[in-house]
Amino acid sequence: MGKQASAPEIETVLKLEEFLPYRLARAAEIMSREFADIYKKHTGMTRPEWRAFATIGQFGTVTATFIGQHSSMHKTKVSRAVVSLEQRGWLARTSDGADRRIEHLALTKKGWRVYAALIEEARKFEADVLQALGEGPSNALISGLDHLEQR
């Protein structure tokens, strides 16, 4: 077994829990888990299912490729989510008239009813988070995120 090396002499140490990218990822994971508890309780959906479902609801009719790009999900997760949503009767697929390899995905009437209820829950969740932060910090957070996303 090799001898463990001692830490090199470094002027400062990176404290991961204070490193901004790590903190943003951690905060996003916490928020995502908390909201997942809500939609899972109401519908039994997984995170990939929710992201696919919400993307379709936002844009109306989309392709699986678009869902993957919009939600930063791998195509395998998108595919599994689409199958599950279709099995629940919340999503319908139609083949593209010009290219049979492409399927257009849209919510069914049943899917739209579920979407409407979940969007109400999503807005309430977001409002509760922002209220807990307070007006000044909420505005600063939203502004800061806008700047980061535009970089």
N, C-alpha and C. Protein backbone atom coordinates (compact mmCIF):
# COMPACT_ATOMS: atom_id res chain seq x y z
N MET A 1 0.84 -1.18 0.00
CA MET A 1 0.00 0.00 0.00
C MET A 1 0.88 1.24 0.00
N GLY A 2 0.48 2.22 -0.79
CA GLY A 2 1.27 3.44 -0.89
C GLY A 2 1.10 4.33 0.33
N LYS A 3 2.12 5.09 0.58
CA LYS A 3 2.10 6.02 1.69
C LYS A 3 1.21 7.22 1.32
N GLN A 4 0.34 7.62 2.25
CA GLN A 4 -0.55 8.76 2.01
C GLN A 4 0.26 10.05 2.00
N ALA A 5 0.03 10.85 0.98
CA ALA A 5 0.76 12.11 0.87
C ALA A 5 0.14 13.14 1.80
N SER A 6 0.98 13.97 2.37
CA SER A 6 0.46 15.04 3.20
C SER A 6 0.00 16.17 2.29
N ALA A 7 -0.91 16.97 2.79
CA ALA A 7 -1.44 18.09 2.02
C ALA A 7 -0.32 19.06 1.70
N PRO A 8 -0.28 19.52 0.45
CA PRO A 8 0.76 20.49 0.10
C PRO A 8 0.51 21.81 0.82
N GLU A 9 1.55 22.59 0.90
CA GLU A 9 1.42 23.91 1.51
C GLU A 9 0.63 24.80 0.54
N ILE A 10 -0.58 25.10 0.91
CA ILE A 10 -1.45 25.95 0.09
C ILE A 10 -1.83 27.15 0.93
N GLU A 11 -1.73 28.31 0.32
CA GLU A 11 -2.03 29.54 1.04
C GLU A 11 -3.47 29.55 1.57
N THR A 12 -4.40 29.14 0.74
CA THR A 12 -5.79 29.06 1.18
C THR A 12 -6.37 27.73 0.74
N VAL A 13 -7.35 27.27 1.44
CA VAL A 13 -8.03 26.02 1.12
C VAL A 13 -9.41 26.38 0.57
N LEU A 14 -9.84 25.65 -0.42
CA LEU A 14 -11.18 25.85 -0.96
C LEU A 14 -12.18 25.15 -0.05
N LYS A 15 -13.05 25.91 0.55
CA LYS A 15 -14.11 25.34 1.38
C LYS A 15 -15.29 25.09 0.46
N LEU A 16 -15.52 23.83 0.16
CA LEU A 16 -16.55 23.46 -0.81
C LEU A 16 -17.91 24.05 -0.44
N GLU A 17 -18.25 24.01 0.84
CA GLU A 17 -19.56 24.52 1.27
C GLU A 17 -19.69 26.03 1.10
N GLU A 18 -18.59 26.72 0.80
CA GLU A 18 -18.65 28.16 0.54
C GLU A 18 -18.43 28.50 -0.94
N PHE A 19 -18.16 27.49 -1.76
CA PHE A 19 -17.88 27.68 -3.19
C PHE A 19 -19.21 27.88 -3.92
N LEU A 20 -19.35 29.03 -4.59
CA LEU A 20 -20.63 29.42 -5.18
C LEU A 20 -21.25 28.36 -6.09
N PRO A 21 -20.54 27.77 -7.04
CA PRO A 21 -21.19 26.74 -7.87
C PRO A 21 -21.75 25.57 -7.05
N TYR A 22 -21.02 25.17 -6.02
CA TYR A 22 -21.49 24.10 -5.16
C TYR A 22 -22.74 24.53 -4.39
N ARG A 23 -22.73 25.75 -3.87
CA ARG A 23 -23.88 26.25 -3.11
C ARG A 23 -25.12 26.36 -3.98
N LEU A 24 -24.93 26.83 -5.23
CA LEU A 24 -26.07 26.93 -6.15
C LEU A 24 -26.62 25.54 -6.46
N ALA A 25 -25.75 24.59 -6.73
CA ALA A 25 -26.19 23.22 -7.02
C ALA A 25 -26.91 22.61 -5.82
N ARG A 26 -26.37 22.85 -4.65
CA ARG A 26 -26.98 22.31 -3.43
C ARG A 26 -28.35 22.93 -3.17
N ALA A 27 -28.45 24.25 -3.33
CA ALA A 27 -29.73 24.93 -3.13
C ALA A 27 -30.76 24.44 -4.16
N ALA A 28 -30.32 24.27 -5.41
CA ALA A 28 -31.22 23.78 -6.44
C ALA A 28 -31.70 22.37 -6.11
N GLU A 29 -30.81 21.53 -5.63
CA GLU A 29 -31.19 20.17 -5.26
C GLU A 29 -32.19 20.15 -4.11
N ILE A 30 -31.98 21.01 -3.12
CA ILE A 30 -32.91 21.09 -1.99
C ILE A 30 -34.29 21.53 -2.47
N MET A 31 -34.33 22.59 -3.27
CA MET A 31 -35.61 23.09 -3.80
C MET A 31 -36.30 22.03 -4.65
N SER A 32 -35.51 21.37 -5.50
CA SER A 32 -36.06 20.34 -6.38
C SER A 32 -36.66 19.19 -5.57
N ARG A 33 -35.96 18.75 -4.53
CA ARG A 33 -36.47 17.66 -3.68
C ARG A 33 -37.74 18.07 -2.95
N GLU A 34 -37.75 19.30 -2.44
CA GLU A 34 -38.94 19.76 -1.72
C GLU A 34 -40.15 19.83 -2.63
N PHE A 35 -39.96 20.35 -3.84
CA PHE A 35 -41.10 20.41 -4.75
C PHE A 35 -41.46 19.02 -5.25
N ALA A 36 -40.47 18.14 -5.41
CA ALA A 36 -40.74 16.76 -5.83
C ALA A 36 -41.67 16.06 -4.83
N ASP A 37 -41.49 16.35 -3.55
CA ASP A 37 -42.38 15.77 -2.54
C ASP A 37 -43.84 16.13 -2.81
N ILE A 38 -44.06 17.35 -3.30
CA ILE A 38 -45.42 17.83 -3.56
C ILE A 38 -46.01 17.11 -4.77
N TYR A 39 -45.32 17.14 -5.92
CA TYR A 39 -45.93 16.51 -7.09
C TYR A 39 -45.95 15.00 -6.99
N LYS A 40 -45.00 14.43 -6.26
CA LYS A 40 -45.03 12.98 -6.07
C LYS A 40 -46.25 12.58 -5.23
N LYS A 41 -46.54 13.38 -4.20
CA LYS A 41 -47.70 13.09 -3.35
C LYS A 41 -48.99 13.17 -4.16
N HIS A 42 -49.11 14.14 -5.04
CA HIS A 42 -50.32 14.34 -5.83
C HIS A 42 -50.46 13.39 -7.01
N THR A 43 -49.32 13.02 -7.63
CA THR A 43 -49.41 12.28 -8.89
C THR A 43 -48.56 11.02 -8.94
N GLY A 44 -47.58 10.90 -8.05
CA GLY A 44 -46.66 9.78 -8.11
C GLY A 44 -45.55 9.95 -9.14
N MET A 45 -45.47 11.14 -9.75
CA MET A 45 -44.45 11.40 -10.79
C MET A 45 -43.05 11.44 -10.21
N THR A 46 -42.10 11.00 -11.04
CA THR A 46 -40.68 11.15 -10.73
C THR A 46 -40.22 12.52 -11.22
N ARG A 47 -39.00 12.92 -10.88
CA ARG A 47 -38.46 14.19 -11.37
C ARG A 47 -38.38 14.25 -12.89
N PRO A 48 -37.84 13.21 -13.55
CA PRO A 48 -37.82 13.27 -15.02
C PRO A 48 -39.23 13.37 -15.62
N GLU A 49 -40.19 12.66 -15.04
CA GLU A 49 -41.57 12.75 -15.53
C GLU A 49 -42.11 14.16 -15.36
N TRP A 50 -41.86 14.76 -14.20
CA TRP A 50 -42.32 16.12 -13.96
C TRP A 50 -41.70 17.09 -14.95
N ARG A 51 -40.40 16.98 -15.18
CA ARG A 51 -39.71 17.90 -16.09
C ARG A 51 -40.24 17.76 -17.51
N ALA A 52 -40.45 16.53 -17.94
CA ALA A 52 -41.02 16.31 -19.28
C ALA A 52 -42.44 16.85 -19.34
N PHE A 53 -43.24 16.54 -18.35
CA PHE A 53 -44.64 16.96 -18.27
C PHE A 53 -44.75 18.48 -18.27
N ALA A 54 -43.94 19.13 -17.45
CA ALA A 54 -43.96 20.59 -17.35
C ALA A 54 -43.51 21.24 -18.66
N THR A 55 -42.54 20.64 -19.34
CA THR A 55 -42.07 21.18 -20.62
C THR A 55 -43.18 21.09 -21.67
N ILE A 56 -43.84 19.95 -21.72
CA ILE A 56 -44.94 19.80 -22.68
C ILE A 56 -46.05 20.79 -22.35
N GLY A 57 -46.38 20.92 -21.08
CA GLY A 57 -47.42 21.86 -20.68
C GLY A 57 -47.06 23.30 -21.04
N GLN A 58 -45.81 23.65 -20.90
CA GLN A 58 -45.37 25.02 -21.20
C GLN A 58 -45.45 25.33 -22.69
N PHE A 59 -45.04 24.38 -23.53
CA PHE A 59 -44.91 24.65 -24.96
C PHE A 59 -46.02 24.05 -25.83
N GLY A 60 -46.87 23.21 -25.25
CA GLY A 60 -47.98 22.65 -26.01
C GLY A 60 -47.63 21.35 -26.70
N THR A 61 -46.99 21.43 -27.85
CA THR A 61 -46.58 20.25 -28.59
C THR A 61 -45.08 20.33 -28.81
N VAL A 62 -44.38 19.27 -28.43
CA VAL A 62 -42.91 19.26 -28.52
C VAL A 62 -42.44 17.88 -28.96
N THR A 63 -41.15 17.78 -29.20
CA THR A 63 -40.53 16.48 -29.47
C THR A 63 -39.74 16.06 -28.23
N ALA A 64 -39.39 14.79 -28.18
CA ALA A 64 -38.57 14.29 -27.07
C ALA A 64 -37.21 15.00 -27.07
N THR A 65 -36.68 15.27 -28.24
CA THR A 65 -35.39 15.97 -28.34
C THR A 65 -35.49 17.34 -27.69
N PHE A 66 -36.58 18.04 -27.95
CA PHE A 66 -36.78 19.36 -27.36
C PHE A 66 -36.87 19.27 -25.84
N ILE A 67 -37.58 18.28 -25.33
CA ILE A 67 -37.68 18.10 -23.88
C ILE A 67 -36.30 17.92 -23.28
N GLY A 68 -35.48 17.09 -23.90
CA GLY A 68 -34.12 16.86 -23.40
C GLY A 68 -33.30 18.12 -23.38
N GLN A 69 -33.39 18.92 -24.43
CA GLN A 69 -32.65 20.18 -24.50
C GLN A 69 -33.15 21.18 -23.47
N HIS A 70 -34.46 21.30 -23.36
CA HIS A 70 -35.05 22.29 -22.46
C HIS A 70 -34.84 21.96 -20.99
N SER A 71 -34.87 20.69 -20.66
CA SER A 71 -34.79 20.27 -19.26
C SER A 71 -33.43 19.72 -18.87
N SER A 72 -32.48 19.73 -19.78
CA SER A 72 -31.14 19.19 -19.53
C SER A 72 -31.17 17.73 -19.06
N MET A 73 -32.04 16.95 -19.70
CA MET A 73 -32.13 15.53 -19.36
C MET A 73 -31.59 14.68 -20.50
N HIS A 74 -30.99 13.56 -20.15
CA HIS A 74 -30.50 12.60 -21.14
C HIS A 74 -31.70 11.98 -21.86
N LYS A 75 -31.49 11.62 -23.11
CA LYS A 75 -32.59 11.10 -23.92
C LYS A 75 -33.21 9.82 -23.35
N THR A 76 -32.43 9.03 -22.63
CA THR A 76 -32.98 7.82 -22.01
C THR A 76 -34.00 8.17 -20.94
N LYS A 77 -33.68 9.17 -20.11
CA LYS A 77 -34.62 9.60 -19.07
C LYS A 77 -35.87 10.19 -19.69
N VAL A 78 -35.69 10.97 -20.76
CA VAL A 78 -36.84 11.56 -21.45
C VAL A 78 -37.73 10.45 -21.99
N SER A 79 -37.13 9.47 -22.63
CA SER A 79 -37.88 8.37 -23.22
C SER A 79 -38.70 7.62 -22.17
N ARG A 80 -38.08 7.31 -21.04
CA ARG A 80 -38.79 6.61 -19.96
C ARG A 80 -39.93 7.46 -19.41
N ALA A 81 -39.68 8.76 -19.26
CA ALA A 81 -40.71 9.66 -18.74
C ALA A 81 -41.89 9.72 -19.71
N VAL A 82 -41.61 9.82 -20.99
CA VAL A 82 -42.66 9.90 -22.00
C VAL A 82 -43.52 8.64 -21.98
N VAL A 83 -42.88 7.47 -21.90
CA VAL A 83 -43.62 6.21 -21.85
C VAL A 83 -44.53 6.19 -20.62
N SER A 84 -44.01 6.59 -19.48
CA SER A 84 -44.80 6.59 -18.25
C SER A 84 -45.99 7.55 -18.34
N LEU A 85 -45.74 8.75 -18.85
CA LEU A 85 -46.82 9.73 -18.97
C LEU A 85 -47.89 9.26 -19.96
N GLU A 86 -47.45 8.60 -21.01
CA GLU A 86 -48.40 8.05 -21.99
C GLU A 86 -49.23 6.93 -21.36
N GLN A 87 -48.59 6.06 -20.57
CA GLN A 87 -49.31 4.97 -19.91
C GLN A 87 -50.36 5.48 -18.94
N ARG A 88 -50.13 6.64 -18.37
CA ARG A 88 -51.11 7.22 -17.44
C ARG A 88 -52.25 7.92 -18.17
N GLY A 89 -52.10 8.05 -19.47
CA GLY A 89 -53.13 8.72 -20.25
C GLY A 89 -53.02 10.23 -20.24
N TRP A 90 -51.84 10.74 -19.88
CA TRP A 90 -51.64 12.19 -19.78
C TRP A 90 -50.97 12.78 -21.01
N LEU A 91 -50.49 11.92 -21.89
CA LEU A 91 -49.71 12.37 -23.03
C LEU A 91 -50.13 11.56 -24.25
N ALA A 92 -50.18 12.24 -25.40
CA ALA A 92 -50.47 11.57 -26.66
C ALA A 92 -49.32 11.83 -27.62
N ARG A 93 -49.00 10.82 -28.45
CA ARG A 93 -47.94 10.94 -29.45
C ARG A 93 -48.58 10.93 -30.84
N THR A 94 -48.04 11.76 -31.71
CA THR A 94 -48.44 11.70 -33.12
C THR A 94 -47.18 11.73 -33.96
N SER A 95 -47.16 10.94 -35.01
CA SER A 95 -46.00 10.90 -35.91
C SER A 95 -45.99 12.14 -36.78
N ASP A 96 -44.80 12.57 -37.08
CA ASP A 96 -44.61 13.72 -37.98
C ASP A 96 -44.94 13.27 -39.40
N GLY A 97 -45.73 14.07 -40.10
CA GLY A 97 -46.13 13.71 -41.46
C GLY A 97 -44.96 13.66 -42.42
N ALA A 98 -43.96 14.49 -42.23
CA ALA A 98 -42.82 14.56 -43.14
C ALA A 98 -41.69 13.61 -42.75
N ASP A 99 -41.56 13.31 -41.46
CA ASP A 99 -40.46 12.47 -40.99
C ASP A 99 -40.99 11.53 -39.91
N ARG A 100 -41.21 10.29 -40.27
CA ARG A 100 -41.83 9.31 -39.36
C ARG A 100 -40.97 9.00 -38.15
N ARG A 101 -39.70 9.39 -38.16
CA ARG A 101 -38.83 9.17 -37.00
C ARG A 101 -39.15 10.14 -35.87
N ILE A 102 -39.82 11.22 -36.20
CA ILE A 102 -40.12 12.26 -35.21
C ILE A 102 -41.54 12.08 -34.70
N GLU A 103 -41.68 12.17 -33.38
CA GLU A 103 -43.00 12.12 -32.76
C GLU A 103 -43.26 13.45 -32.07
N HIS A 104 -44.48 13.93 -32.22
CA HIS A 104 -44.90 15.14 -31.52
C HIS A 104 -45.67 14.71 -30.28
N LEU A 105 -45.31 15.33 -29.17
CA LEU A 105 -45.89 14.96 -27.87
C LEU A 105 -46.75 16.11 -27.37
N ALA A 106 -47.95 15.78 -26.90
CA ALA A 106 -48.86 16.79 -26.37
C ALA A 106 -49.65 16.18 -25.22
N LEU A 107 -50.11 17.03 -24.33
CA LEU A 107 -50.93 16.56 -23.22
C LEU A 107 -52.33 16.23 -23.72
N THR A 108 -52.93 15.23 -23.09
CA THR A 108 -54.33 14.89 -23.36
C THR A 108 -55.21 15.78 -22.48
N LYS A 109 -56.52 15.67 -22.63
CA LYS A 109 -57.43 16.43 -21.76
C LYS A 109 -57.18 16.07 -20.29
N LYS A 110 -57.00 14.80 -20.04
CA LYS A 110 -56.69 14.34 -18.67
C LYS A 110 -55.36 14.94 -18.21
N GLY A 111 -54.37 14.96 -19.10
CA GLY A 111 -53.07 15.54 -18.79
C GLY A 111 -53.17 17.03 -18.47
N TRP A 112 -53.98 17.75 -19.23
CA TRP A 112 -54.14 19.18 -18.96
C TRP A 112 -54.77 19.44 -17.60
N ARG A 113 -55.70 18.57 -17.17
CA ARG A 113 -56.31 18.73 -15.84
C ARG A 113 -55.26 18.54 -14.74
N VAL A 114 -54.42 17.51 -14.91
CA VAL A 114 -53.35 17.27 -13.95
C VAL A 114 -52.36 18.43 -13.97
N TYR A 115 -52.03 18.90 -15.16
CA TYR A 115 -51.07 20.01 -15.31
C TYR A 115 -51.60 21.26 -14.59
N ALA A 116 -52.85 21.58 -14.79
CA ALA A 116 -53.44 22.77 -14.15
C ALA A 116 -53.33 22.69 -12.63
N ALA A 117 -53.61 21.53 -12.08
CA ALA A 117 -53.52 21.35 -10.62
C ALA A 117 -52.07 21.47 -10.14
N LEU A 118 -51.15 20.90 -10.90
CA LEU A 118 -49.74 20.96 -10.48
C LEU A 118 -49.15 22.36 -10.63
N ILE A 119 -49.58 23.09 -11.63
CA ILE A 119 -49.09 24.45 -11.80
C ILE A 119 -49.54 25.32 -10.64
N GLU A 120 -50.73 25.09 -10.18
CA GLU A 120 -51.21 25.81 -9.00
C GLU A 120 -50.32 25.50 -7.79
N GLU A 121 -49.97 24.24 -7.63
CA GLU A 121 -49.06 23.84 -6.54
C GLU A 121 -47.67 24.45 -6.73
N ALA A 122 -47.19 24.49 -7.97
CA ALA A 122 -45.86 25.05 -8.26
C ALA A 122 -45.82 26.54 -7.91
N ARG A 123 -46.85 27.25 -8.30
CA ARG A 123 -46.88 28.69 -8.02
C ARG A 123 -46.96 28.96 -6.51
N LYS A 124 -47.72 28.14 -5.81
CA LYS A 124 -47.82 28.28 -4.35
C LYS A 124 -46.45 27.99 -3.71
N PHE A 125 -45.79 26.93 -4.16
CA PHE A 125 -44.49 26.57 -3.63
C PHE A 125 -43.49 27.72 -3.84
N GLU A 126 -43.45 28.25 -5.06
CA GLU A 126 -42.54 29.35 -5.36
C GLU A 126 -42.85 30.59 -4.51
N ALA A 127 -44.13 30.91 -4.37
CA ALA A 127 -44.52 32.07 -3.57
C ALA A 127 -44.11 31.88 -2.11
N ASP A 128 -44.26 30.68 -1.59
CA ASP A 128 -43.87 30.40 -0.21
C ASP A 128 -42.35 30.57 -0.01
N VAL A 129 -41.58 30.11 -0.98
CA VAL A 129 -40.12 30.24 -0.90
C VAL A 129 -39.72 31.71 -0.93
N LEU A 130 -40.28 32.46 -1.87
CA LEU A 130 -39.95 33.88 -2.00
C LEU A 130 -40.40 34.68 -0.78
N GLN A 131 -41.56 34.34 -0.24
CA GLN A 131 -42.05 35.02 0.96
C GLN A 131 -41.12 34.74 2.14
N ALA A 132 -40.65 33.51 2.26
CA ALA A 132 -39.75 33.16 3.35
C ALA A 132 -38.44 33.94 3.25
N LEU A 133 -37.99 34.22 2.03
CA LEU A 133 -36.76 35.00 1.83
C LEU A 133 -36.97 36.48 2.15
N GLY A 134 -38.14 36.98 1.85
CA GLY A 134 -38.41 38.41 2.01
C GLY A 134 -38.20 39.12 0.69
N GLU A 135 -38.79 40.30 0.56
CA GLU A 135 -38.80 41.01 -0.72
C GLU A 135 -37.40 41.35 -1.24
N GLY A 136 -36.56 41.95 -0.42
CA GLY A 136 -35.22 42.34 -0.86
C GLY A 136 -34.38 41.16 -1.31
N PRO A 137 -34.20 40.16 -0.46
CA PRO A 137 -33.42 39.00 -0.87
C PRO A 137 -34.03 38.26 -2.07
N SER A 138 -35.35 38.20 -2.16
CA SER A 138 -36.00 37.55 -3.30
C SER A 138 -35.66 38.27 -4.60
N ASN A 139 -35.79 39.59 -4.58
CA ASN A 139 -35.46 40.38 -5.78
C ASN A 139 -33.99 40.23 -6.15
N ALA A 140 -33.13 40.24 -5.15
CA ALA A 140 -31.69 40.09 -5.41
C ALA A 140 -31.38 38.71 -5.99
N LEU A 141 -32.02 37.68 -5.45
CA LEU A 141 -31.80 36.32 -5.94
C LEU A 141 -32.24 36.21 -7.40
N ILE A 142 -33.43 36.67 -7.71
CA ILE A 142 -33.95 36.59 -9.07
C ILE A 142 -33.06 37.38 -10.03
N SER A 143 -32.65 38.57 -9.62
CA SER A 143 -31.77 39.38 -10.45
C SER A 143 -30.42 38.69 -10.65
N GLY A 144 -29.88 38.15 -9.59
CA GLY A 144 -28.60 37.44 -9.68
C GLY A 144 -28.68 36.23 -10.60
N LEU A 145 -29.75 35.47 -10.49
CA LEU A 145 -29.92 34.31 -11.36
C LEU A 145 -30.05 34.74 -12.82
N ASP A 146 -30.79 35.82 -13.04
CA ASP A 146 -30.92 36.35 -14.42
C ASP A 146 -29.56 36.66 -14.99
N HIS A 147 -28.71 37.33 -14.20
CA HIS A 147 -27.37 37.69 -14.68
C HIS A 147 -26.52 36.45 -14.95
N LEU A 148 -26.59 35.47 -14.06
CA LEU A 148 -25.80 34.25 -14.25
C LEU A 148 -26.23 33.49 -15.51
N GLU A 149 -27.54 33.42 -15.73
CA GLU A 149 -28.04 32.68 -16.88
C GLU A 149 -27.73 33.39 -18.20
N GLN A 150 -27.52 34.68 -18.16
CA GLN A 150 -27.23 35.45 -19.37
C GLN A 150 -25.74 35.48 -19.70
N ARG A 151 -24.90 35.01 -18.80
CA ARG A 151 -23.43 35.00 -19.03
C ARG A 151 -23.05 34.23 -20.24
